[in-house]
Amino acid sequence: MDGRAMCRYQAAMATVVNALTFPRPGRRAVGWWLVAVAVMVAAMVVVGGLTRLTGSGLSITEWHPVTGVVPPLSEQAWQSEFAKYRHIPQYQLEHRGMSLAGFKAIYWWEWTHRLLGRLIGFVFLLPFLYFVAMGTILRPGIPRMVVLFALGGLQGFVGWWMVESGLETRVSVSQYRLAIHLGVALILFAAILWTALEYLRDEAPPARSRAGNSAFAFVALVYVQMLLGALVAGLHAGLVYNTWPSMNGHVFPEDAFFARPWWINFFENAGLAQFDHRLGAYLITAGAVWLWIRSRGNGNSVRASANSLLAVTALQVALGIVTLLNQAPVVLAALHQATAVALLSAALWHAFELSRAPQAAAST
């Protein structure tokens, strides 16, 4: 084979090798992967809400992180799980006489919730290792990803800690642990979504100003409001004062501070918890309108995020009122919680856009 033939052969082989070689993914691929993980975390929050609404959260009385992925596969296994459930106060005081079919219905909700948590771990870990191996996630970005994965593991532990609170003396989980469980999930969701936005935006951010501080404060307000919602859920406060805008004809709930010490009522009194949640909704509405007005002098991305924020806020407020007036039916309550996650997403997006807006525009 002469020199020219050899060159043609090498060129042909190089073409084949290049065609067979999987191209290195770019930063946007990492961003969309993280968006997918964030969507899964949001879905887990909603499924967790449905698990609580259907009274299913205590149906699995043990925590086996690895073997627990396999559900009962035989009649004997189902009877064994059911026997464990019959020993806890929820069954003895609320569900006595429940059939095996009824138990299976609540078991599958809790099993699905736990399975989704395990799937999130795999969907995060395996692509992360791939992106590191391909050099798409560089060394400075690895520690943050490790923290996100560890936070996901912590969320699983907190979830079991929450369930434990309802296995000995209570018929439901502690509202405090429920709020902490949701709080950790929302921090995980927010951190993943923010990181995704950074990877999806290729260009380097301009010099930042303090104009985005109000948007970050709004994110914190939405976060606190969602924790207040967890207290409302844990206290079943959506079943009292089912009128609006008054609370059964009153501005303030009756006997709001009957317990001692007085401050415990903010966490133990269903009426006061609902009042606090209503107040938070009013503050969020005012904040969303204010951020929307301030966004008019900014660029297209800031205005788009502000429009989204205002629209989702309006939808969430309307859903909250309708859910309250109808005594929190499962479908409406689940939609209300899903929209709350959407509101947090919109708030994070707006804060992200404002944090990257040029100083001159962001200060208008």
Protein backbone atom coordinates (compact mmCIF):
# COMPACT_ATOMS: atom_id res chain seq x y z
CA MET A 1 0.00 0.00 0.00
CA ASP A 2 1.54 3.31 -1.12
CA GLY A 3 1.64 6.47 0.98
CA ARG A 4 -1.44 8.09 -0.54
CA ALA A 5 -3.51 4.94 -0.06
CA MET A 6 -2.37 4.73 3.55
CA CYS A 7 -3.43 8.34 4.12
CA ARG A 8 -6.86 7.66 2.63
CA TYR A 9 -7.21 4.57 4.81
CA GLN A 10 -6.26 6.46 7.97
CA ALA A 11 -8.67 9.25 7.10
CA ALA A 12 -11.48 6.74 6.56
CA MET A 13 -10.73 5.00 9.84
CA ALA A 14 -10.67 8.34 11.66
CA THR A 15 -14.10 9.13 10.23
CA VAL A 16 -15.46 5.79 11.44
CA VAL A 17 -13.94 6.20 14.90
CA ASN A 18 -15.32 9.72 15.21
CA ALA A 19 -18.75 8.47 14.18
CA LEU A 20 -18.67 5.73 16.78
CA THR A 21 -17.28 7.88 19.57
CA PHE A 22 -19.98 9.36 21.80
CA PRO A 23 -19.44 13.13 21.89
CA ARG A 24 -18.68 14.73 25.22
CA PRO A 25 -21.87 16.31 26.58
CA GLY A 26 -21.92 20.04 27.16
CA ARG A 27 -22.92 22.09 30.17
CA ARG A 28 -26.53 22.32 29.01
CA ALA A 29 -26.80 18.53 29.19
CA VAL A 30 -25.88 18.75 32.88
CA GLY A 31 -28.48 21.50 33.30
CA TRP A 32 -31.29 19.47 31.76
CA TRP A 33 -30.30 16.41 33.80
CA LEU A 34 -30.60 18.50 36.96
CA VAL A 35 -33.95 19.87 35.79
CA ALA A 36 -35.15 16.27 35.44
CA VAL A 37 -33.94 15.49 38.98
CA ALA A 38 -35.66 18.63 40.30
CA VAL A 39 -38.91 17.55 38.63
CA MET A 40 -38.59 14.17 40.35
CA VAL A 41 -38.05 15.86 43.72
CA ALA A 42 -41.12 18.02 43.08
CA ALA A 43 -43.10 14.89 42.21
CA MET A 44 -41.94 13.28 45.43
CA VAL A 45 -43.17 16.30 47.41
CA VAL A 46 -46.59 15.99 45.76
CA VAL A 47 -46.73 12.21 46.26
CA GLY A 48 -45.72 12.78 49.88
CA GLY A 49 -48.65 15.15 50.23
CA LEU A 50 -50.99 12.58 48.75
CA THR A 51 -49.56 9.98 51.11
CA ARG A 52 -50.46 12.21 54.04
CA LEU A 53 -53.89 13.13 52.63
CA THR A 54 -54.80 9.47 52.18
CA GLY A 55 -53.55 8.56 55.67
CA SER A 56 -50.97 6.20 54.18
CA GLY A 57 -47.73 7.45 55.70
CA LEU A 58 -47.67 4.99 58.62
CA SER A 59 -48.60 1.89 56.64
CA ILE A 60 -44.95 0.74 56.41
CA THR A 61 -43.69 0.50 59.97
CA GLU A 62 -40.05 -0.35 59.25
CA TRP A 63 -37.24 1.27 57.31
CA HIS A 64 -35.07 -0.95 55.15
CA PRO A 65 -33.23 1.33 52.67
CA VAL A 66 -32.10 -1.55 50.42
CA THR A 67 -34.45 -4.52 50.84
CA GLY A 68 -37.45 -2.25 51.30
CA VAL A 69 -37.53 -1.65 47.56
CA VAL A 70 -39.22 -5.06 47.16
CA PRO A 71 -42.93 -4.99 48.12
CA PRO A 72 -44.75 -8.02 49.56
CA LEU A 73 -44.91 -10.66 46.84
CA SER A 74 -47.00 -13.34 48.53
CA GLU A 75 -50.13 -13.59 50.64
CA GLN A 76 -48.00 -14.51 53.64
CA ALA A 77 -45.80 -11.44 53.15
CA TRP A 78 -48.86 -9.18 52.93
CA GLN A 79 -50.31 -10.68 56.11
CA SER A 80 -46.98 -10.08 57.89
CA GLU A 81 -46.92 -6.40 56.88
CA PHE A 82 -50.55 -5.99 57.86
CA ALA A 83 -49.89 -7.56 61.27
CA LYS A 84 -47.17 -4.98 61.94
CA TYR A 85 -49.54 -2.16 61.03
CA ARG A 86 -52.24 -3.50 63.36
CA HIS A 87 -49.91 -2.92 66.33
CA ILE A 88 -49.65 0.88 65.92
CA PRO A 89 -52.12 3.42 67.39
CA GLN A 90 -53.38 4.61 64.00
CA TYR A 91 -54.89 1.22 63.25
CA GLN A 92 -56.16 0.60 66.76
CA LEU A 93 -57.81 4.02 67.15
CA GLU A 94 -58.79 4.99 63.61
CA HIS A 95 -58.65 2.00 61.25
CA ARG A 96 -59.69 -0.91 63.43
CA GLY A 97 -61.42 -3.52 61.29
CA MET A 98 -59.65 -2.46 58.10
CA SER A 99 -59.51 -5.21 55.50
CA LEU A 100 -56.34 -6.45 53.86
CA ALA A 101 -57.49 -4.81 50.62
CA GLY A 102 -57.83 -1.49 52.43
CA PHE A 103 -54.36 -1.90 53.88
CA LYS A 104 -52.90 -2.61 50.45
CA ALA A 105 -54.40 0.64 49.15
CA ILE A 106 -52.57 2.78 51.71
CA TYR A 107 -49.44 0.61 51.60
CA TRP A 108 -48.94 1.24 47.89
CA TRP A 109 -49.00 5.03 48.40
CA GLU A 110 -46.22 4.91 50.98
CA TRP A 111 -44.23 2.33 49.03
CA THR A 112 -44.42 4.49 45.90
CA HIS A 113 -43.25 7.50 47.88
CA ARG A 114 -40.23 5.62 49.19
CA LEU A 115 -39.47 4.05 45.80
CA LEU A 116 -39.44 7.48 44.17
CA GLY A 117 -36.87 8.61 46.73
CA ARG A 118 -34.63 5.67 45.85
CA LEU A 119 -35.03 6.31 42.12
CA ILE A 120 -34.00 9.93 42.60
CA GLY A 121 -30.78 8.70 44.19
CA PHE A 122 -29.95 6.54 41.16
CA VAL A 123 -31.02 9.17 38.63
CA PHE A 124 -28.69 11.62 40.36
CA LEU A 125 -25.69 9.39 41.08
CA LEU A 126 -25.19 7.53 37.80
CA PRO A 127 -25.32 10.54 35.42
CA PHE A 128 -23.18 12.50 37.88
CA LEU A 129 -20.43 9.88 37.67
CA TYR A 130 -20.75 9.86 33.88
CA PHE A 131 -20.49 13.66 33.59
CA VAL A 132 -17.44 13.65 35.86
CA ALA A 133 -15.80 10.90 33.81
CA MET A 134 -16.49 12.81 30.59
CA GLY A 135 -15.06 16.01 32.01
CA THR A 136 -18.29 17.97 31.70
CA ILE A 137 -18.52 18.53 35.45
CA LEU A 138 -15.15 19.99 36.33
CA ARG A 139 -13.37 19.50 39.64
CA PRO A 140 -14.60 22.80 41.20
CA GLY A 141 -18.21 21.70 40.60
CA ILE A 142 -17.87 18.24 42.16
CA PRO A 143 -18.16 19.24 45.86
CA ARG A 144 -21.51 20.92 45.27
CA MET A 145 -22.86 17.81 43.56
CA VAL A 146 -21.64 15.65 46.43
CA VAL A 147 -23.44 17.93 48.90
CA LEU A 148 -26.64 17.66 46.86
CA PHE A 149 -26.40 13.85 46.91
CA ALA A 150 -25.74 13.85 50.65
CA LEU A 151 -28.71 16.16 51.18
CA GLY A 152 -30.87 13.64 49.33
CA GLY A 153 -29.67 10.91 51.68
CA LEU A 154 -30.40 13.13 54.67
CA GLN A 155 -33.92 13.61 53.36
CA GLY A 156 -34.49 9.86 53.47
CA PHE A 157 -33.32 9.71 57.08
CA VAL A 158 -35.52 12.67 58.06
CA GLY A 159 -38.47 10.96 56.38
CA TRP A 160 -38.06 7.87 58.55
CA TRP A 161 -37.54 10.05 61.65
CA MET A 162 -40.88 11.67 60.82
CA VAL A 163 -42.65 8.33 60.40
CA GLU A 164 -41.28 7.10 63.75
CA SER A 165 -43.15 9.90 65.52
CA GLY A 166 -46.46 8.27 64.59
CA LEU A 167 -45.70 4.67 65.52
CA GLU A 168 -45.80 4.71 69.33
CA THR A 169 -48.37 7.08 70.83
CA ARG A 170 -49.80 9.20 68.00
CA VAL A 171 -52.26 8.40 65.23
CA SER A 172 -50.39 10.66 62.80
CA VAL A 173 -46.87 12.02 62.44
CA SER A 174 -45.65 15.04 64.38
CA GLN A 175 -46.44 18.29 62.60
CA TYR A 176 -42.98 19.53 63.58
CA ARG A 177 -41.21 16.61 61.92
CA LEU A 178 -43.55 16.89 58.93
CA ALA A 179 -42.48 20.53 58.49
CA ILE A 180 -38.80 19.62 58.84
CA HIS A 181 -39.20 16.79 56.31
CA LEU A 182 -40.80 19.16 53.82
CA GLY A 183 -38.26 21.86 54.60
CA VAL A 184 -35.30 19.61 53.76
CA ALA A 185 -37.01 18.49 50.55
CA LEU A 186 -37.57 22.10 49.48
CA ILE A 187 -33.96 23.06 50.21
CA LEU A 188 -32.83 20.10 48.08
CA PHE A 189 -35.24 21.08 45.31
CA ALA A 190 -34.15 24.73 45.35
CA ALA A 191 -30.44 23.88 45.34
CA ILE A 192 -30.82 21.47 42.42
CA LEU A 193 -32.93 23.90 40.40
CA TRP A 194 -30.56 26.81 40.99
CA THR A 195 -27.58 24.68 39.95
CA ALA A 196 -29.49 23.59 36.84
CA LEU A 197 -30.15 27.21 35.89
CA GLU A 198 -26.44 27.97 36.22
CA TYR A 199 -25.51 25.13 33.89
CA LEU A 200 -28.21 26.04 31.38
CA ARG A 201 -26.92 29.60 31.16
CA ASP A 202 -23.65 29.39 29.26
CA GLU A 203 -22.51 32.97 29.42
CA ALA A 204 -20.70 34.33 32.46
CA PRO A 205 -22.88 36.47 34.73
CA PRO A 206 -22.34 40.25 34.75
CA ALA A 207 -21.44 42.19 37.87
CA ARG A 208 -24.17 41.68 40.43
CA SER A 209 -26.04 44.37 42.33
CA ARG A 210 -28.21 44.34 45.42
CA ALA A 211 -31.38 44.70 43.38
CA GLY A 212 -32.00 40.97 43.57
CA ASN A 213 -32.10 40.94 47.37
CA SER A 214 -35.86 41.55 47.37
CA ALA A 215 -36.35 38.56 45.09
CA PHE A 216 -34.31 36.36 47.43
CA ALA A 217 -36.39 37.64 50.35
CA PHE A 218 -39.48 36.62 48.40
CA VAL A 219 -38.04 33.12 47.92
CA ALA A 220 -37.54 32.91 51.69
CA LEU A 221 -41.13 34.08 52.24
CA VAL A 222 -42.48 31.36 49.94
CA TYR A 223 -40.35 28.79 51.75
CA VAL A 224 -41.68 29.84 55.16
CA GLN A 225 -45.23 29.84 53.79
CA MET A 226 -44.81 26.26 52.62
CA LEU A 227 -43.58 25.26 56.07
CA LEU A 228 -46.64 26.95 57.56
CA GLY A 229 -48.67 24.87 55.13
CA ALA A 230 -47.03 21.75 56.56
CA LEU A 231 -48.14 22.81 60.04
CA VAL A 232 -51.66 23.37 58.71
CA ALA A 233 -51.60 19.90 57.19
CA GLY A 234 -50.19 18.26 60.32
CA LEU A 235 -52.83 19.90 62.51
CA HIS A 236 -55.63 19.23 59.99
CA ALA A 237 -56.26 22.98 60.17
CA GLY A 238 -57.83 23.01 56.72
CA LEU A 239 -60.93 21.45 58.29
CA VAL A 240 -61.66 24.43 60.55
CA TYR A 241 -62.74 27.98 59.68
CA ASN A 242 -63.85 27.03 56.18
CA THR A 243 -64.94 30.55 55.25
CA TRP A 244 -63.15 33.39 53.48
CA PRO A 245 -62.19 36.21 53.84
CA SER A 246 -63.46 35.98 57.43
CA MET A 247 -62.82 33.12 59.80
CA ASN A 248 -66.41 32.14 60.59
CA GLY A 249 -67.29 35.82 60.81
CA HIS A 250 -64.14 36.83 62.70
CA VAL A 251 -60.91 38.48 61.58
CA PHE A 252 -58.88 36.50 64.13
CA PRO A 253 -59.53 32.91 65.29
CA GLU A 254 -61.32 32.45 68.58
CA ASP A 255 -59.28 31.31 71.60
CA ALA A 256 -56.10 31.74 69.60
CA PHE A 257 -53.88 31.66 72.70
CA PHE A 258 -55.63 29.16 74.96
CA ALA A 259 -52.55 26.98 75.51
CA ARG A 260 -49.60 27.81 77.76
CA PRO A 261 -46.97 28.96 77.13
CA TRP A 262 -48.59 31.40 74.68
CA TRP A 263 -46.08 30.87 71.88
CA ILE A 264 -46.89 27.17 71.61
CA ASN A 265 -50.21 28.13 70.02
CA PHE A 266 -48.43 29.10 66.81
CA PHE A 267 -47.51 25.42 66.42
CA GLU A 268 -50.31 23.60 68.26
CA ASN A 269 -53.48 25.67 67.66
CA ALA A 270 -55.15 24.74 64.36
CA GLY A 271 -57.03 28.03 64.09
CA LEU A 272 -53.95 30.16 64.65
CA ALA A 273 -51.89 28.03 62.24
CA GLN A 274 -54.50 28.63 59.56
CA PHE A 275 -54.53 32.37 60.32
CA ASP A 276 -50.74 32.51 59.94
CA HIS A 277 -51.00 30.67 56.62
CA ARG A 278 -53.63 33.14 55.40
CA LEU A 279 -51.44 36.07 56.45
CA GLY A 280 -48.52 34.54 54.58
CA ALA A 281 -50.66 34.30 51.44
CA TYR A 282 -51.50 38.01 51.65
CA LEU A 283 -47.82 38.92 52.05
CA ILE A 284 -46.84 36.73 49.11
CA THR A 285 -49.51 38.32 46.91
CA ALA A 286 -48.29 41.81 47.79
CA GLY A 287 -44.67 40.77 47.23
CA ALA A 288 -45.39 39.23 43.83
CA VAL A 289 -47.21 42.36 42.65
CA TRP A 290 -44.35 44.55 43.88
CA LEU A 291 -41.69 42.44 42.14
CA TRP A 292 -43.75 42.47 38.96
CA ILE A 293 -44.01 46.27 39.00
CA ARG A 294 -40.26 46.62 39.59
CA SER A 295 -39.47 44.26 36.70
CA ARG A 296 -40.95 46.49 34.00
CA GLY A 297 -37.69 48.33 33.39
CA ASN A 298 -35.60 45.17 33.05
CA GLY A 299 -34.75 42.87 30.18
CA ASN A 300 -36.96 40.24 28.61
CA SER A 301 -35.82 37.37 30.84
CA VAL A 302 -36.49 39.31 34.05
CA ARG A 303 -39.91 40.43 32.82
CA ALA A 304 -40.77 36.88 31.74
CA SER A 305 -39.86 35.46 35.14
CA ALA A 306 -41.84 38.21 36.89
CA ASN A 307 -44.90 37.52 34.71
CA SER A 308 -44.62 33.84 35.55
CA LEU A 309 -44.29 34.64 39.25
CA LEU A 310 -47.39 36.83 39.28
CA ALA A 311 -49.46 34.28 37.33
CA VAL A 312 -48.51 31.34 39.55
CA THR A 313 -49.15 33.43 42.67
CA ALA A 314 -52.65 34.28 41.48
CA LEU A 315 -53.36 30.63 40.70
CA GLN A 316 -52.04 29.48 44.07
CA VAL A 317 -54.10 32.01 46.01
CA ALA A 318 -57.24 30.99 44.12
CA LEU A 319 -56.54 27.31 44.73
CA GLY A 320 -55.92 27.96 48.41
CA ILE A 321 -59.27 29.72 48.83
CA VAL A 322 -61.20 27.06 46.91
CA THR A 323 -59.46 24.28 48.84
CA LEU A 324 -60.32 25.92 52.16
CA LEU A 325 -63.96 26.55 51.26
CA ASN A 326 -64.35 22.89 50.28
CA GLN A 327 -62.66 21.55 53.45
CA ALA A 328 -59.49 20.38 51.73
CA PRO A 329 -60.57 17.52 49.45
CA VAL A 330 -57.69 15.32 48.32
CA VAL A 331 -57.57 16.50 44.69
CA LEU A 332 -57.66 20.21 45.49
CA ALA A 333 -55.20 19.86 48.37
CA ALA A 334 -52.76 18.00 46.12
CA LEU A 335 -53.10 20.65 43.41
CA HIS A 336 -52.52 23.34 46.02
CA GLN A 337 -49.29 21.67 47.12
CA ALA A 338 -48.11 21.11 43.54
CA THR A 339 -48.75 24.76 42.71
CA ALA A 340 -46.79 25.76 45.82
CA VAL A 341 -43.76 23.96 44.36
CA ALA A 342 -44.38 25.76 41.06
CA LEU A 343 -44.49 29.06 42.94
CA LEU A 344 -41.18 28.31 44.62
CA SER A 345 -39.75 27.47 41.19
CA ALA A 346 -40.99 30.75 39.71
CA ALA A 347 -39.58 32.69 42.67
CA LEU A 348 -36.19 31.02 42.25
CA TRP A 349 -36.19 31.70 38.52
CA HIS A 350 -36.98 35.38 39.09
CA ALA A 351 -34.26 35.68 41.73
CA PHE A 352 -31.81 33.99 39.36
CA GLU A 353 -32.63 36.36 36.50
CA LEU A 354 -32.39 39.42 38.71
CA SER A 355 -29.07 38.24 40.15
CA ARG A 356 -27.65 38.16 36.63
CA ALA A 357 -29.25 41.35 35.33
CA PRO A 358 -26.94 44.29 34.62
CA GLN A 359 -26.73 46.67 37.52
CA ALA A 360 -28.21 49.59 35.66
CA ALA A 361 -31.29 47.62 34.64
CA ALA A 362 -31.73 45.75 37.91
CA SER A 363 -31.73 48.96 39.94
CA THR A 364 -34.67 50.50 38.10
